[in-house]
C-alpha atoms as a PDB file:
ATOM      1  CA  MET A   1       0.000   0.000   0.000  1.00  0.00           C
ATOM      2  CA  SER A   2       1.393   3.392  -0.916  1.00  0.00           C
ATOM      3  CA  PHE A   3       0.347   6.729   0.414  1.00  0.00           C
ATOM      4  CA  ALA A   4       1.075   9.948  -1.448  1.00  0.00           C
ATOM      5  CA  VAL A   5       2.160  12.802   0.791  1.00  0.00           C
ATOM      6  CA  GLU A   6       1.459  16.220  -0.626  1.00  0.00           C
ATOM      7  CA  VAL A   7       2.578  19.568   0.682  1.00  0.00           C
ATOM      8  CA  GLU A   8      -0.308  21.996   0.878  1.00  0.00           C
ATOM      9  CA  SER A   9      -0.263  25.739   1.309  1.00  0.00           C
ATOM     10  CA  PRO A  10      -2.464  27.167   4.040  1.00  0.00           C
ATOM     11  CA  PRO A  11      -5.897  28.242   2.793  1.00  0.00           C
ATOM     12  CA  LEU A  12      -5.043  31.942   2.976  1.00  0.00           C
ATOM     13  CA  ARG A  13      -5.409  34.600   0.338  1.00  0.00           C
ATOM     14  CA  GLU A  14      -4.429  38.231   0.342  1.00  0.00           C
ATOM     15  CA  ASP A  15      -7.142  40.747  -0.525  1.00  0.00           C
ATOM     16  CA  ALA A  16      -6.651  44.068  -2.311  1.00  0.00           C
ATOM     17  CA  ALA A  17      -5.958  45.850   0.975  1.00  0.00           C
ATOM     18  CA  GLY A  18      -3.256  43.365   1.995  1.00  0.00           C
ATOM     19  CA  ALA A  19      -5.344  41.523   4.590  1.00  0.00           C
ATOM     20  CA  LEU A  20      -5.210  37.738   4.761  1.00  0.00           C
ATOM     21  CA  ARG A  21      -8.572  36.000   4.370  1.00  0.00           C
ATOM     22  CA  VAL A  22      -9.285  32.359   5.230  1.00  0.00           C
ATOM     23  CA  GLY A  23     -10.316  30.035   2.404  1.00  0.00           C
ATOM     24  CA  ASP A  24     -13.042  31.372   0.149  1.00  0.00           C
ATOM     25  CA  SER A  25     -14.547  33.412   2.984  1.00  0.00           C
ATOM     26  CA  ARG A  26     -14.096  37.040   3.912  1.00  0.00           C
ATOM     27  CA  VAL A  27     -13.067  36.066   7.450  1.00  0.00           C
ATOM     28  CA  LEU A  28      -9.733  37.564   8.433  1.00  0.00           C
ATOM     29  CA  LEU A  29      -6.836  35.438   9.617  1.00  0.00           C
ATOM     30  CA  GLU A  30      -6.666  37.474  12.808  1.00  0.00           C
ATOM     31  CA  MET A  31     -10.278  36.603  13.673  1.00  0.00           C
ATOM     32  CA  VAL A  32      -9.517  32.879  13.524  1.00  0.00           C
ATOM     33  CA  VAL A  33      -6.200  33.139  15.380  1.00  0.00           C
ATOM     34  CA  ARG A  34      -7.588  35.399  18.126  1.00  0.00           C
ATOM     35  CA  ALA A  35     -10.594  33.096  18.616  1.00  0.00           C
ATOM     36  CA  PHE A  36      -8.226  30.129  18.901  1.00  0.00           C
ATOM     37  CA  GLN A  37      -6.016  32.028  21.363  1.00  0.00           C
ATOM     38  CA  ASP A  38      -9.121  32.782  23.428  1.00  0.00           C
ATOM     39  CA  GLY A  39      -9.770  29.044  23.731  1.00  0.00           C
ATOM     40  CA  ALA A  40     -12.268  28.450  20.920  1.00  0.00           C
ATOM     41  CA  THR A  41     -12.119  25.088  19.195  1.00  0.00           C
ATOM     42  CA  PRO A  42     -12.100  24.889  15.396  1.00  0.00           C
ATOM     43  CA  GLU A  43     -15.715  23.677  15.569  1.00  0.00           C
ATOM     44  CA  THR A  44     -16.702  26.712  17.651  1.00  0.00           C
ATOM     45  CA  ILE A  45     -14.922  29.040  15.234  1.00  0.00           C
ATOM     46  CA  VAL A  46     -16.869  27.557  12.312  1.00  0.00           C
ATOM     47  CA  GLN A  47     -20.085  28.066  14.290  1.00  0.00           C
ATOM     48  CA  ARG A  48     -19.160  31.732  14.813  1.00  0.00           C
ATOM     49  CA  TYR A  49     -18.214  32.264  11.173  1.00  0.00           C
ATOM     50  CA  SER A  50     -20.465  30.053   9.097  1.00  0.00           C
ATOM     51  CA  THR A  51     -18.707  30.868   5.808  1.00  0.00           C
ATOM     52  CA  LEU A  52     -15.596  29.005   7.003  1.00  0.00           C
ATOM     53  CA  SER A  53     -14.995  25.324   6.393  1.00  0.00           C
ATOM     54  CA  LEU A  54     -13.794  23.175   9.262  1.00  0.00           C
ATOM     55  CA  SER A  55     -10.846  21.859   7.247  1.00  0.00           C
ATOM     56  CA  ASP A  56      -9.706  25.425   6.456  1.00  0.00           C
ATOM     57  CA  VAL A  57      -9.851  26.402  10.130  1.00  0.00           C
ATOM     58  CA  TYR A  58      -7.813  23.351  11.158  1.00  0.00           C
ATOM     59  CA  ALA A  59      -5.283  24.101   8.395  1.00  0.00           C
ATOM     60  CA  VAL A  60      -4.956  27.758   9.430  1.00  0.00           C
ATOM     61  CA  ILE A  61      -4.514  26.842  13.092  1.00  0.00           C
ATOM     62  CA  ALA A  62      -1.878  24.247  12.152  1.00  0.00           C
ATOM     63  CA  TYR A  63      -0.093  26.894  10.083  1.00  0.00           C
ATOM     64  CA  TYR A  64      -0.265  29.328  12.998  1.00  0.00           C
ATOM     65  CA  LEU A  65       1.168  26.746  15.409  1.00  0.00           C
ATOM     66  CA  ARG A  66       4.033  25.913  13.028  1.00  0.00           C
ATOM     67  CA  HIS A  67       4.799  29.542  12.150  1.00  0.00           C
ATOM     68  CA  ARG A  68       3.778  31.335  15.318  1.00  0.00           C
ATOM     69  CA  SER A  69       6.394  34.101  15.191  1.00  0.00           C
ATOM     70  CA  ALA A  70       5.633  35.034  11.571  1.00  0.00           C
ATOM     71  CA  VAL A  71       1.872  35.066  12.210  1.00  0.00           C
ATOM     72  CA  GLU A  72       2.305  37.095  15.414  1.00  0.00           C
ATOM     73  CA  GLU A  73       4.435  39.587  13.480  1.00  0.00           C
ATOM     74  CA  TYR A  74       1.688  39.862  10.841  1.00  0.00           C
ATOM     75  CA  LEU A  75      -0.953  40.351  13.566  1.00  0.00           C
ATOM     76  CA  SER A  76       1.130  43.068  15.238  1.00  0.00           C
ATOM     77  CA  HIS A  77       1.532  44.820  11.899  1.00  0.00           C
ATOM     78  CA  ARG A  78      -2.246  44.701  11.344  1.00  0.00           C
ATOM     79  CA  GLU A  79      -2.896  46.088  14.838  1.00  0.00           C
ATOM     80  CA  ARG A  80      -0.487  48.976  14.237  1.00  0.00           C
ATOM     81  CA  LYS A  81      -2.204  49.791  10.932  1.00  0.00           C
ATOM     82  CA  ALA A  82      -5.627  49.676  12.630  1.00  0.00           C
ATOM     83  CA  GLU A  83      -4.406  52.024  15.356  1.00  0.00           C
ATOM     84  CA  GLU A  84      -3.013  54.392  12.710  1.00  0.00           C
ATOM     85  CA  LEU A  85      -6.345  54.418  10.900  1.00  0.00           C
ATOM     86  CA  ARG A  86      -8.244  55.025  14.147  1.00  0.00           C
ATOM     87  CA  ARG A  87      -6.022  58.027  14.937  1.00  0.00           C
ATOM     88  CA  ARG A  88      -6.471  59.500  11.457  1.00  0.00           C
ATOM     89  CA  ILE A  89     -10.248  59.169  11.711  1.00  0.00           C
ATOM     90  CA  GLU A  90     -10.294  60.778  15.150  1.00  0.00           C
ATOM     91  CA  GLU A  91      -8.133  63.658  13.896  1.00  0.00           C
ATOM     92  CA  ARG A  92     -10.558  64.350  11.031  1.00  0.00           C
ATOM     93  CA  GLN A  93     -13.635  64.163  13.229  1.00  0.00           C
ATOM     94  CA  GLY A  94     -12.309  66.527  15.841  1.00  0.00           C
ATOM     95  CA  ASP A  95     -13.476  66.492  19.443  1.00  0.00           C
ATOM     96  CA  LEU A  96     -16.776  64.635  19.716  1.00  0.00           C
ATOM     97  CA  SER A  97     -16.814  64.352  23.499  1.00  0.00           C
ATOM     98  CA  ASP A  98     -19.555  66.932  23.990  1.00  0.00           C
ATOM     99  CA  ILE A  99     -21.990  65.492  21.427  1.00  0.00           C
ATOM    100  CA  ARG A 100     -23.868  63.416  24.005  1.00  0.00           C
ATOM    101  CA  SER A 101     -24.449  66.391  26.272  1.00  0.00           C
ATOM    102  CA  ARG A 102     -25.582  68.560  23.336  1.00  0.00           C
ATOM    103  CA  LEU A 103     -27.981  65.844  22.143  1.00  0.00           C
ATOM    104  CA  LEU A 104     -29.406  65.391  25.635  1.00  0.00           C
ATOM    105  CA  ALA A 105     -29.815  69.151  26.025  1.00  0.00           C
ATOM    106  CA  HIS A 106     -31.559  69.327  22.652  1.00  0.00           C
ATOM    107  CA  ARG A 107     -33.879  66.468  23.626  1.00  0.00           C
ATOM    108  CA  GLN A 108     -34.844  68.177  26.905  1.00  0.00           C
ATOM    109  CA  ALA A 109     -35.515  71.516  25.190  1.00  0.00           C
END
């Protein structure tokens, strides 16, 4: 009996914005990894994100476990970019801290 061993790439694809998506879904790699880090099983992750396949989630988690430092570096990069974007949005919007009080005052008037 012979068994063919094939090397497979993880089911990840890069979208136009440079984010890694899992399989054919729009679910981000960081969503799957963070759920796993929080103790979710692959089955639970698929229940949370119904567009994922169980085999893709297992493959992504296996990839993460084998390449933890590279994935963590990618996740850190994504978090820095998200923080940058949040700061730019807040700078454009200006100070919104008094909106609630103005809305409440308007409602009471």
